[in-house]
Amino acid sequence: MPDPLSPREISAPSADEPQSGCSADPSPAPAVDQPGEPTSEPYGRRDTRQYEPVWVQVARPRARDRVGLHALLFLATILTTTYIGVFHWLSWMADYRPIRTAIPLGAIFTRGFWYSATILIILGAHELGHYFACRYYRINASLPYFIPLPPPFPLTGTLGAFIRIRQPVTTKRALFDIGIAGPLAGFFFTVPALFIGIALSHVARVPPRFSGLELGEPLLFKLASWTIWGQIPDGYSVNLHPIAFAAWFGLLATALNLFPVGQLDGGHISYTVFGRRSTLVTMLMMAAAVVLAFNSLSLVLWTMLMAAMLFAFGPNHPPVMDEQLPLNRARQWLAALALLIFILSFTPAPIQPLDLLK
């Protein structure tokens, strides 16, 4: 008996045969191969052009946080920032004079905690903003890791904090929300701390031969100082309360994170706004960072870390599956707000070992 799938049995009806309601296709029917045999036409490169890449979310076992390690780092950072906070409190009390104040041993913790509590709240809010955004999108992320800085480095007591995102972020909306949540949360706590700290500070006369570290003043810092103290006379300076110094450090950390380069928060935001063109933004801003590092030695380490990040991961941001879709209007406004926060928080020379009166 002939094979019903054989090509020779498939033909158009003759003119003498009755016609159905459907018209017949006069072109020859394609050959149908036997089941289990190769197709009659090989599957080549030209066939793949009609297909888009398929994104498959691979389920992975959820890693557990080492809560003991997170707690140990947090406690160590409390100790280092409280220790440094004591010196900030002594400097504030001395008003540019030699420090002669003796603090009872039992009062050391409370004096240093002005700075410690403020900086830990700002840094913690920043990282928890990222963390809860990841939880909202069901993306596996670690609890914050705080980085203590030992006492030989007497300025901040910490190098900040970070979280680990343990799986790829595959949508533009999630990437944008996770990237911007940290700076917005940290800035929310930094602004009131800045105005409260400036209000608690002293306007004191600077001795003629006094020299020390000069802190760069971001625009928001200048606005808070002018709002509370007005025009500072020549020969005088605002001697910062420990809360004000913590807020200044919070502004600096926010600005550096919003720098639109690579895997920084600003790099994530830049990619979601500009797409592949964000690579050009990254290269231009990296060149600007190198120029700034020549102007201020305090930015050298930060610039070197960014260069190492680009060398390790490349200048191109990892793609998301909906890269061609634009951000909605609300997120575009939030991106503009992030740019404004960066402008208000950034200073090109954060720390300079210069005479305060220069």
Foldseek 3Di string as FASTA:
>chain_A
DDDPLALVVDADDDPPDDDDPDDDDHDRDDRDDDPPDDDPDDDDPVNCVVDDDDDDDDDDPFDDAPVVQQVVQLVQLLVLQLQLLLVLLQLQVQQQHDRDDDDPPVCSNVSSVLQSVLLCQLLQQLAVQLVVLCVVVVFRKYHKRWAADHPVPRQGRGPGIHMDGDDDDFDLVSLLSSLLRRLVRSVVSLLVLQLVFQLPWDWHFHDPPGFFKDFFAFQSNVVSNCVRPNDRDARIDTSTNSSNSSSLVSLAVSLLQLQCFEPRSVVSNLCLAPPQCSLVVNVVSLVVLVVLCVVEVVSPVVSVVRVVRCVVVNRGYDHHPPSVDHDDPVSVVSSVVSVVSNRRRDGSYGIDRTGPND
